Amino acid sequence: MACTICPVPSPPVPSLLPITTGDSLHSVSQGKGDAKEVERRVQTIKDEIEHTTSEYEKEKLQERLAKMSNGVAVLKVGGSSEVEVNEKKDRITDALNATRAAVAEGTVPGGGVALLRCLSVLDSVKVENEDQKVGVDIIRKALRMPCMTIAKNAGVDGAVIVEKVLNMEGSMGYDALHNKFVDMAKAGIIDPTKVVRSALIDASGVASLLTTAECVVTEIPKEEKEGGAPGGMGGMGGMGGMGGMGGMGGF
């Protein structure tokens, strides 16, 4: 009986993908999906972003889109204590949110300059009664506060700085770090348009709510005692009288 020996092809060796895991992060990089299918899925997600009306859903779709169409960066934050690590993580989160907002709607000159340039628009607002006039005046004062507060924190007269910036044009503003007037856009002192716009809209919304509310509930701040030490320990200061024990040397 004759036997024929045929070579058996070896099974394909599975390719391994780098996997990163942690307490709250699990990621798989260097995927090997079909490029055409990935592109088709990316376009589908873009269409869903345009048609959705939910901000939460839009945010999640944008995260999914970023993971499929761009590279994914993993930031490792370290520190000497958990408090320091959390502080750094919060700063990174704020920076990422600001960057996303800037990509969404662009940027404006920072340091409160963009808000000061909006003051001239209020002059053309037509009011129908005295209450609306008061509201416009409140907005006018509020638009000056960011620049004024920055100047005050830098140790200079905020009112003077605001007037000087108002007399300038374009993106010229006050650089508090170097105590000089510069082109804020060229100096890299910018704010995301979305952040500035949302802050003004949200503040006006809260103010409108408070003016129509019949009452406001607040917490009265507690007065802190001088010295900062617990009240019962204050009497220990009398231990200074133990210096009289020096007389015991007579024994």
C-alpha atoms as a PDB file:
ATOM      1  CA  MET A   1       0.000   0.000   0.000  1.00  0.00           C
ATOM      2  CA  ALA A   2       1.558   3.302  -1.077  1.00  0.00           C
ATOM      3  CA  CYS A   3       1.473   6.386   1.131  1.00  0.00           C
ATOM      4  CA  THR A   4       1.855   9.933  -0.009  1.00  0.00           C
ATOM      5  CA  ILE A   5       3.174  12.531   2.382  1.00  0.00           C
ATOM      6  CA  CYS A   6       1.990  16.052   1.721  1.00  0.00           C
ATOM      7  CA  PRO A   7       3.254  19.182   3.490  1.00  0.00           C
ATOM      8  CA  VAL A   8       0.763  20.674   5.908  1.00  0.00           C
ATOM      9  CA  PRO A   9       0.685  24.475   5.884  1.00  0.00           C
ATOM     10  CA  SER A  10       1.412  26.018   9.246  1.00  0.00           C
ATOM     11  CA  PRO A  11      -1.437  28.006  10.821  1.00  0.00           C
ATOM     12  CA  PRO A  12      -1.135  31.777  10.618  1.00  0.00           C
ATOM     13  CA  VAL A  13       0.568  33.344  13.605  1.00  0.00           C
ATOM     14  CA  PRO A  14      -1.774  35.847  15.245  1.00  0.00           C
ATOM     15  CA  SER A  15      -0.404  39.387  15.473  1.00  0.00           C
ATOM     16  CA  LEU A  16      -0.318  40.954  18.906  1.00  0.00           C
ATOM     17  CA  LEU A  17      -1.448  44.517  19.531  1.00  0.00           C
ATOM     18  CA  PRO A  18      -0.030  46.784  22.245  1.00  0.00           C
ATOM     19  CA  ILE A  19      -2.486  47.028  25.129  1.00  0.00           C
ATOM     20  CA  THR A  20      -2.250  49.647  27.861  1.00  0.00           C
ATOM     21  CA  THR A  21      -4.192  49.137  31.052  1.00  0.00           C
ATOM     22  CA  GLY A  22      -4.551  51.034  34.298  1.00  0.00           C
ATOM     23  CA  ASP A  23      -6.973  51.910  37.084  1.00  0.00           C
ATOM     24  CA  SER A  24      -9.322  53.830  34.786  1.00  0.00           C
ATOM     25  CA  LEU A  25      -7.776  53.486  31.307  1.00  0.00           C
ATOM     26  CA  HIS A  26      -7.706  50.552  28.905  1.00  0.00           C
ATOM     27  CA  SER A  27      -6.513  51.161  25.339  1.00  0.00           C
ATOM     28  CA  VAL A  28      -5.532  49.058  22.340  1.00  0.00           C
ATOM     29  CA  SER A  29      -3.299  50.774  19.772  1.00  0.00           C
ATOM     30  CA  GLN A  30      -2.077  49.979  16.242  1.00  0.00           C
ATOM     31  CA  GLY A  31      -5.339  48.487  15.035  1.00  0.00           C
ATOM     32  CA  LYS A  32      -5.339  46.613  11.713  1.00  0.00           C
ATOM     33  CA  GLY A  33      -8.848  47.310  10.470  1.00  0.00           C
ATOM     34  CA  ASP A  34      -9.783  47.795   6.835  1.00  0.00           C
ATOM     35  CA  ALA A  35      -8.951  51.414   5.956  1.00  0.00           C
ATOM     36  CA  LYS A  36     -12.025  51.764   3.700  1.00  0.00           C
ATOM     37  CA  GLU A  37     -14.378  50.476   6.387  1.00  0.00           C
ATOM     38  CA  VAL A  38     -12.821  52.802   8.956  1.00  0.00           C
ATOM     39  CA  GLU A  39     -13.245  55.777   6.616  1.00  0.00           C
ATOM     40  CA  ARG A  40     -16.853  54.812   5.960  1.00  0.00           C
ATOM     41  CA  ARG A  41     -17.527  54.638   9.693  1.00  0.00           C
ATOM     42  CA  VAL A  42     -15.826  57.999  10.235  1.00  0.00           C
ATOM     43  CA  GLN A  43     -18.105  59.619   7.662  1.00  0.00           C
ATOM     44  CA  THR A  44     -21.141  58.037   9.321  1.00  0.00           C
ATOM     45  CA  ILE A  45     -20.139  59.504  12.690  1.00  0.00           C
ATOM     46  CA  LYS A  46     -19.658  62.945  11.108  1.00  0.00           C
ATOM     47  CA  ASP A  47     -23.180  62.774   9.687  1.00  0.00           C
ATOM     48  CA  GLU A  48     -24.576  61.789  13.078  1.00  0.00           C
ATOM     49  CA  ILE A  49     -22.791  64.751  14.721  1.00  0.00           C
ATOM     50  CA  GLU A  50     -24.404  67.169  12.257  1.00  0.00           C
ATOM     51  CA  HIS A  51     -27.926  65.848  12.832  1.00  0.00           C
ATOM     52  CA  THR A  52     -27.932  65.240  16.584  1.00  0.00           C
ATOM     53  CA  THR A  53     -29.440  67.837  18.905  1.00  0.00           C
ATOM     54  CA  SER A  54     -28.060  66.395  22.140  1.00  0.00           C
ATOM     55  CA  GLU A  55     -24.881  68.037  23.416  1.00  0.00           C
ATOM     56  CA  TYR A  56     -24.001  64.910  25.398  1.00  0.00           C
ATOM     57  CA  GLU A  57     -24.399  62.656  22.375  1.00  0.00           C
ATOM     58  CA  LYS A  58     -22.431  65.085  20.215  1.00  0.00           C
ATOM     59  CA  GLU A  59     -19.563  65.071  22.723  1.00  0.00           C
ATOM     60  CA  LYS A  60     -19.416  61.272  22.791  1.00  0.00           C
ATOM     61  CA  LEU A  61     -19.541  61.066  18.999  1.00  0.00           C
ATOM     62  CA  GLN A  62     -16.695  63.558  18.738  1.00  0.00           C
ATOM     63  CA  GLU A  63     -14.633  61.455  21.142  1.00  0.00           C
ATOM     64  CA  ARG A  64     -15.348  58.380  19.030  1.00  0.00           C
ATOM     65  CA  LEU A  65     -14.452  60.287  15.870  1.00  0.00           C
ATOM     66  CA  ALA A  66     -11.147  61.423  17.349  1.00  0.00           C
ATOM     67  CA  LYS A  67     -10.204  57.871  18.297  1.00  0.00           C
ATOM     68  CA  MET A  68     -10.965  56.519  14.816  1.00  0.00           C
ATOM     69  CA  SER A  69      -9.597  59.309  12.622  1.00  0.00           C
ATOM     70  CA  ASN A  70      -6.624  60.641  14.583  1.00  0.00           C
ATOM     71  CA  GLY A  71      -3.890  59.501  16.877  1.00  0.00           C
ATOM     72  CA  VAL A  72      -4.574  58.915  20.561  1.00  0.00           C
ATOM     73  CA  ALA A  73      -2.227  60.431  23.143  1.00  0.00           C
ATOM     74  CA  VAL A  74      -1.897  59.089  26.670  1.00  0.00           C
ATOM     75  CA  LEU A  75      -0.770  61.698  29.198  1.00  0.00           C
ATOM     76  CA  LYS A  76       0.942  60.363  32.300  1.00  0.00           C
ATOM     77  CA  VAL A  77       0.679  62.693  35.290  1.00  0.00           C
ATOM     78  CA  GLY A  78       2.916  62.265  38.322  1.00  0.00           C
ATOM     79  CA  GLY A  79       3.475  64.076  41.579  1.00  0.00           C
ATOM     80  CA  SER A  80       4.764  63.766  45.118  1.00  0.00           C
ATOM     81  CA  SER A  81       1.258  63.403  46.570  1.00  0.00           C
ATOM     82  CA  GLU A  82      -2.258  62.545  45.499  1.00  0.00           C
ATOM     83  CA  VAL A  83      -3.317  66.174  45.966  1.00  0.00           C
ATOM     84  CA  GLU A  84      -0.590  67.354  43.585  1.00  0.00           C
ATOM     85  CA  VAL A  85      -1.495  64.707  41.015  1.00  0.00           C
ATOM     86  CA  ASN A  86      -5.169  65.675  41.113  1.00  0.00           C
ATOM     87  CA  GLU A  87      -4.243  69.342  40.743  1.00  0.00           C
ATOM     88  CA  LYS A  88      -2.150  68.604  37.653  1.00  0.00           C
ATOM     89  CA  LYS A  89      -4.877  66.395  36.195  1.00  0.00           C
ATOM     90  CA  ASP A  90      -7.428  69.183  36.647  1.00  0.00           C
ATOM     91  CA  ARG A  91      -5.134  71.642  34.870  1.00  0.00           C
ATOM     92  CA  ILE A  92      -4.638  69.240  31.971  1.00  0.00           C
ATOM     93  CA  THR A  93      -8.387  68.663  31.747  1.00  0.00           C
ATOM     94  CA  ASP A  94      -8.996  72.419  31.668  1.00  0.00           C
ATOM     95  CA  ALA A  95      -6.381  72.816  28.928  1.00  0.00           C
ATOM     96  CA  LEU A  96      -7.948  70.041  26.842  1.00  0.00           C
ATOM     97  CA  ASN A  97     -11.437  71.509  27.219  1.00  0.00           C
ATOM     98  CA  ALA A  98     -10.154  74.951  26.259  1.00  0.00           C
ATOM     99  CA  THR A  99      -8.428  73.501  23.203  1.00  0.00           C
ATOM    100  CA  ARG A 100     -11.586  71.679  22.114  1.00  0.00           C
ATOM    101  CA  ALA A 101     -13.585  74.885  22.535  1.00  0.00           C
ATOM    102  CA  ALA A 102     -11.012  76.806  20.479  1.00  0.00           C
ATOM    103  CA  VAL A 103     -11.181  74.240  17.688  1.00  0.00           C
ATOM    104  CA  ALA A 104     -14.975  74.421  17.692  1.00  0.00           C
ATOM    105  CA  GLU A 105     -15.447  78.209  17.464  1.00  0.00           C
ATOM    106  CA  GLY A 106     -12.004  79.793  17.203  1.00  0.00           C
ATOM    107  CA  THR A 107     -10.264  82.218  19.552  1.00  0.00           C
ATOM    108  CA  VAL A 108     -10.435  85.876  20.566  1.00  0.00           C
ATOM    109  CA  PRO A 109      -7.869  88.175  22.235  1.00  0.00           C
ATOM    110  CA  GLY A 110      -7.533  87.321  25.923  1.00  0.00           C
ATOM    111  CA  GLY A 111      -7.147  89.432  29.012  1.00  0.00           C
ATOM    112  CA  GLY A 112     -10.720  90.720  28.751  1.00  0.00           C
ATOM    113  CA  VAL A 113      -9.938  92.609  25.518  1.00  0.00           C
ATOM    114  CA  ALA A 114     -12.633  90.828  23.490  1.00  0.00           C
ATOM    115  CA  LEU A 115     -15.295  91.825  26.028  1.00  0.00           C
ATOM    116  CA  LEU A 116     -14.138  95.444  26.061  1.00  0.00           C
ATOM    117  CA  ARG A 117     -14.437  95.577  22.270  1.00  0.00           C
ATOM    118  CA  CYS A 118     -18.103  94.579  22.662  1.00  0.00           C
ATOM    119  CA  LEU A 119     -18.964  97.701  24.669  1.00  0.00           C
ATOM    120  CA  SER A 120     -19.631  99.770  21.550  1.00  0.00           C
ATOM    121  CA  VAL A 121     -22.367  97.331  20.501  1.00  0.00           C
ATOM    122  CA  LEU A 122     -24.384  98.175  23.624  1.00  0.00           C
ATOM    123  CA  ASP A 123     -24.694 101.789  22.471  1.00  0.00           C
ATOM    124  CA  SER A 124     -26.938 100.665  19.618  1.00  0.00           C
ATOM    125  CA  VAL A 125     -29.239  98.570  21.818  1.00  0.00           C
ATOM    126  CA  LYS A 126     -32.706 100.138  21.952  1.00  0.00           C
ATOM    127  CA  VAL A 127     -34.439  99.889  25.331  1.00  0.00           C
ATOM    128  CA  GLU A 128     -38.154 100.289  25.928  1.00  0.00           C
ATOM    129  CA  ASN A 129     -38.164 101.133  29.619  1.00  0.00           C
ATOM    130  CA  GLU A 130     -35.959 102.051  32.556  1.00  0.00           C
ATOM    131  CA  ASP A 131     -35.577  98.438  33.698  1.00  0.00           C
ATOM    132  CA  GLN A 132     -34.046  97.423  30.377  1.00  0.00           C
ATOM    133  CA  LYS A 133     -31.700 100.402  30.576  1.00  0.00           C
ATOM    134  CA  VAL A 134     -30.522  99.183  33.979  1.00  0.00           C
ATOM    135  CA  GLY A 135     -29.912  95.749  32.489  1.00  0.00           C
ATOM    136  CA  VAL A 136     -27.778  97.201  29.688  1.00  0.00           C
ATOM    137  CA  ASP A 137     -25.766  99.191  32.237  1.00  0.00           C
ATOM    138  CA  ILE A 138     -25.163  96.026  34.253  1.00  0.00           C
ATOM    139  CA  ILE A 139     -23.835  94.232  31.162  1.00  0.00           C
ATOM    140  CA  ARG A 140     -21.665  97.267  30.367  1.00  0.00           C
ATOM    141  CA  LYS A 141     -20.080  97.116  33.825  1.00  0.00           C
ATOM    142  CA  ALA A 142     -19.688  93.336  33.660  1.00  0.00           C
ATOM    143  CA  LEU A 143     -17.784  93.519  30.363  1.00  0.00           C
ATOM    144  CA  ARG A 144     -15.161  95.739  32.002  1.00  0.00           C
ATOM    145  CA  MET A 145     -14.599  93.535  35.042  1.00  0.00           C
ATOM    146  CA  PRO A 146     -12.304  90.778  33.634  1.00  0.00           C
ATOM    147  CA  CYS A 147      -9.681  93.250  32.392  1.00  0.00           C
ATOM    148  CA  MET A 148     -10.031  95.357  35.532  1.00  0.00           C
ATOM    149  CA  THR A 149      -9.662  92.334  37.829  1.00  0.00           C
ATOM    150  CA  ILE A 150      -6.563  91.098  35.997  1.00  0.00           C
ATOM    151  CA  ALA A 151      -4.973  94.541  36.339  1.00  0.00           C
ATOM    152  CA  LYS A 152      -5.853  94.776  40.049  1.00  0.00           C
ATOM    153  CA  ASN A 153      -4.352  91.339  40.692  1.00  0.00           C
ATOM    154  CA  ALA A 154      -1.167  92.576  39.019  1.00  0.00           C
ATOM    155  CA  GLY A 155      -0.988  95.465  41.500  1.00  0.00           C
ATOM    156  CA  VAL A 156      -1.955  98.321  39.178  1.00  0.00           C
ATOM    157  CA  ASP A 157      -4.984 100.587  38.891  1.00  0.00           C
ATOM    158  CA  GLY A 158      -7.616  98.551  37.056  1.00  0.00           C
ATOM    159  CA  ALA A 159      -9.736 101.533  36.004  1.00  0.00           C
ATOM    160  CA  VAL A 160      -6.738 103.222  34.362  1.00  0.00           C
ATOM    161  CA  ILE A 161      -5.748 100.060  32.490  1.00  0.00           C
ATOM    162  CA  VAL A 162      -9.298  99.553  31.198  1.00  0.00           C
ATOM    163  CA  GLU A 163      -9.467 103.106  29.850  1.00  0.00           C
ATOM    164  CA  LYS A 164      -6.106 102.732  28.109  1.00  0.00           C
ATOM    165  CA  VAL A 165      -7.183  99.476  26.471  1.00  0.00           C
ATOM    166  CA  LEU A 166     -10.453 101.080  25.355  1.00  0.00           C
ATOM    167  CA  ASN A 167      -8.482 103.838  23.642  1.00  0.00           C
ATOM    168  CA  MET A 168      -6.535 101.221  21.677  1.00  0.00           C
ATOM    169  CA  GLU A 169      -7.793  99.245  18.713  1.00  0.00           C
ATOM    170  CA  GLY A 170      -7.953  95.655  17.564  1.00  0.00           C
ATOM    171  CA  SER A 171      -6.334  93.027  19.763  1.00  0.00           C
ATOM    172  CA  MET A 172      -4.128  95.432  21.722  1.00  0.00           C
ATOM    173  CA  GLY A 173      -4.405  94.790  25.454  1.00  0.00           C
ATOM    174  CA  TYR A 174      -2.629  94.639  28.799  1.00  0.00           C
ATOM    175  CA  ASP A 175      -0.065  91.906  29.453  1.00  0.00           C
ATOM    176  CA  ALA A 176      -0.177  91.605  33.246  1.00  0.00           C
ATOM    177  CA  LEU A 177       2.788  89.230  33.410  1.00  0.00           C
ATOM    178  CA  HIS A 178       5.214  91.692  31.787  1.00  0.00           C
ATOM    179  CA  ASN A 179       3.295  94.862  32.775  1.00  0.00           C
ATOM    180  CA  LYS A 180       3.016  96.259  29.258  1.00  0.00           C
ATOM    181  CA  PHE A 181       0.552  96.716  26.420  1.00  0.00           C
ATOM    182  CA  VAL A 182       0.924  94.243  23.559  1.00  0.00           C
ATOM    183  CA  ASP A 183      -0.941  92.698  20.654  1.00  0.00           C
ATOM    184  CA  MET A 184      -2.649  89.914  22.595  1.00  0.00           C
ATOM    185  CA  ALA A 185      -3.106  87.638  19.572  1.00  0.00           C
ATOM    186  CA  LYS A 186       0.572  87.842  18.559  1.00  0.00           C
ATOM    187  CA  ALA A 187       1.673  87.409  22.177  1.00  0.00           C
ATOM    188  CA  GLY A 188      -0.360  84.198  22.429  1.00  0.00           C
ATOM    189  CA  ILE A 189      -2.733  85.594  25.067  1.00  0.00           C
ATOM    190  CA  ILE A 190      -6.024  84.272  23.728  1.00  0.00           C
ATOM    191  CA  ASP A 191      -9.326  82.853  24.953  1.00  0.00           C
ATOM    192  CA  PRO A 192     -11.601  80.324  23.243  1.00  0.00           C
ATOM    193  CA  THR A 193     -14.571  82.156  21.718  1.00  0.00           C
ATOM    194  CA  LYS A 194     -16.948  79.502  23.011  1.00  0.00           C
ATOM    195  CA  VAL A 195     -15.756  79.964  26.601  1.00  0.00           C
ATOM    196  CA  VAL A 196     -16.131  83.759  26.537  1.00  0.00           C
ATOM    197  CA  ARG A 197     -19.533  83.580  24.861  1.00  0.00           C
ATOM    198  CA  SER A 198     -20.859  80.862  27.170  1.00  0.00           C
ATOM    199  CA  ALA A 199     -19.645  82.702  30.284  1.00  0.00           C
ATOM    200  CA  LEU A 200     -21.508  85.864  29.285  1.00  0.00           C
ATOM    201  CA  ILE A 201     -24.695  84.005  28.335  1.00  0.00           C
ATOM    202  CA  ASP A 202     -24.712  81.874  31.491  1.00  0.00           C
ATOM    203  CA  ALA A 203     -24.043  84.884  33.727  1.00  0.00           C
ATOM    204  CA  SER A 204     -26.893  86.852  32.165  1.00  0.00           C
ATOM    205  CA  GLY A 205     -29.174  83.839  32.548  1.00  0.00           C
ATOM    206  CA  VAL A 206     -28.434  83.524  36.261  1.00  0.00           C
ATOM    207  CA  ALA A 207     -28.830  87.267  36.762  1.00  0.00           C
ATOM    208  CA  SER A 208     -32.223  87.207  35.004  1.00  0.00           C
ATOM    209  CA  LEU A 209     -33.331  84.352  37.233  1.00  0.00           C
ATOM    210  CA  LEU A 210     -32.321  86.196  40.393  1.00  0.00           C
ATOM    211  CA  THR A 211     -34.152  89.360  39.386  1.00  0.00           C
ATOM    212  CA  THR A 212     -37.409  87.450  38.915  1.00  0.00           C
ATOM    213  CA  ALA A 213     -37.072  85.253  42.009  1.00  0.00           C
ATOM    214  CA  GLU A 214     -39.009  86.239  45.113  1.00  0.00           C
ATOM    215  CA  CYS A 215     -36.248  85.108  47.430  1.00  0.00           C
ATOM    216  CA  VAL A 216     -32.694  83.781  47.348  1.00  0.00           C
ATOM    217  CA  VAL A 217     -31.312  81.214  49.780  1.00  0.00           C
ATOM    218  CA  THR A 218     -27.697  81.650  50.789  1.00  0.00           C
ATOM    219  CA  GLU A 219     -25.360  80.548  53.544  1.00  0.00           C
ATOM    220  CA  ILE A 220     -24.083  83.147  55.981  1.00  0.00           C
ATOM    221  CA  PRO A 221     -20.276  82.865  56.233  1.00  0.00           C
ATOM    222  CA  LYS A 222     -19.018  81.858  59.634  1.00  0.00           C
ATOM    223  CA  GLU A 223     -16.747  84.270  61.468  1.00  0.00           C
ATOM    224  CA  GLU A 224     -13.319  82.777  62.076  1.00  0.00           C
ATOM    225  CA  LYS A 225     -11.800  83.337  65.493  1.00  0.00           C
ATOM    226  CA  GLU A 226      -8.470  85.116  65.685  1.00  0.00           C
ATOM    227  CA  GLY A 227      -5.404  82.970  66.246  1.00  0.00           C
ATOM    228  CA  GLY A 228      -6.695  79.959  64.342  1.00  0.00           C
ATOM    229  CA  ALA A 229      -6.030  77.564  67.243  1.00  0.00           C
ATOM    230  CA  PRO A 230      -8.858  75.605  68.886  1.00  0.00           C
ATOM    231  CA  GLY A 231     -10.579  77.636  71.585  1.00  0.00           C
ATOM    232  CA  GLY A 232      -9.856  75.190  74.394  1.00  0.00           C
ATOM    233  CA  MET A 233      -6.110  75.224  73.755  1.00  0.00           C
ATOM    234  CA  GLY A 234      -5.828  78.974  74.149  1.00  0.00           C
ATOM    235  CA  GLY A 235      -5.497  78.677  77.899  1.00  0.00           C
ATOM    236  CA  MET A 236      -2.272  76.739  77.567  1.00  0.00           C
ATOM    237  CA  GLY A 237      -0.547  80.048  77.073  1.00  0.00           C
ATOM    238  CA  GLY A 238      -0.496  80.238  80.873  1.00  0.00           C
ATOM    239  CA  MET A 239       2.122  77.529  80.928  1.00  0.00           C
ATOM    240  CA  GLY A 240       4.610  80.267  80.398  1.00  0.00           C
ATOM    241  CA  GLY A 241       4.406  80.798  84.132  1.00  0.00           C
ATOM    242  CA  MET A 242       6.302  77.577  84.638  1.00  0.00           C
ATOM    243  CA  GLY A 243       9.398  79.641  84.242  1.00  0.00           C
ATOM    244  CA  GLY A 244       9.068  80.273  87.972  1.00  0.00           C
ATOM    245  CA  MET A 245      10.099  76.698  88.586  1.00  0.00           C
ATOM    246  CA  GLY A 246      13.638  77.887  88.211  1.00  0.00           C
ATOM    247  CA  GLY A 247      13.463  78.582  91.935  1.00  0.00           C
ATOM    248  CA  MET A 248      13.496  74.880  92.606  1.00  0.00           C
ATOM    249  CA  GLY A 249      17.249  75.021  92.248  1.00  0.00           C
ATOM    250  CA  GLY A 250      17.324  75.971  95.958  1.00  0.00           C
ATOM    251  CA  PHE A 251      16.745  72.366  96.942  1.00  0.00           C
END
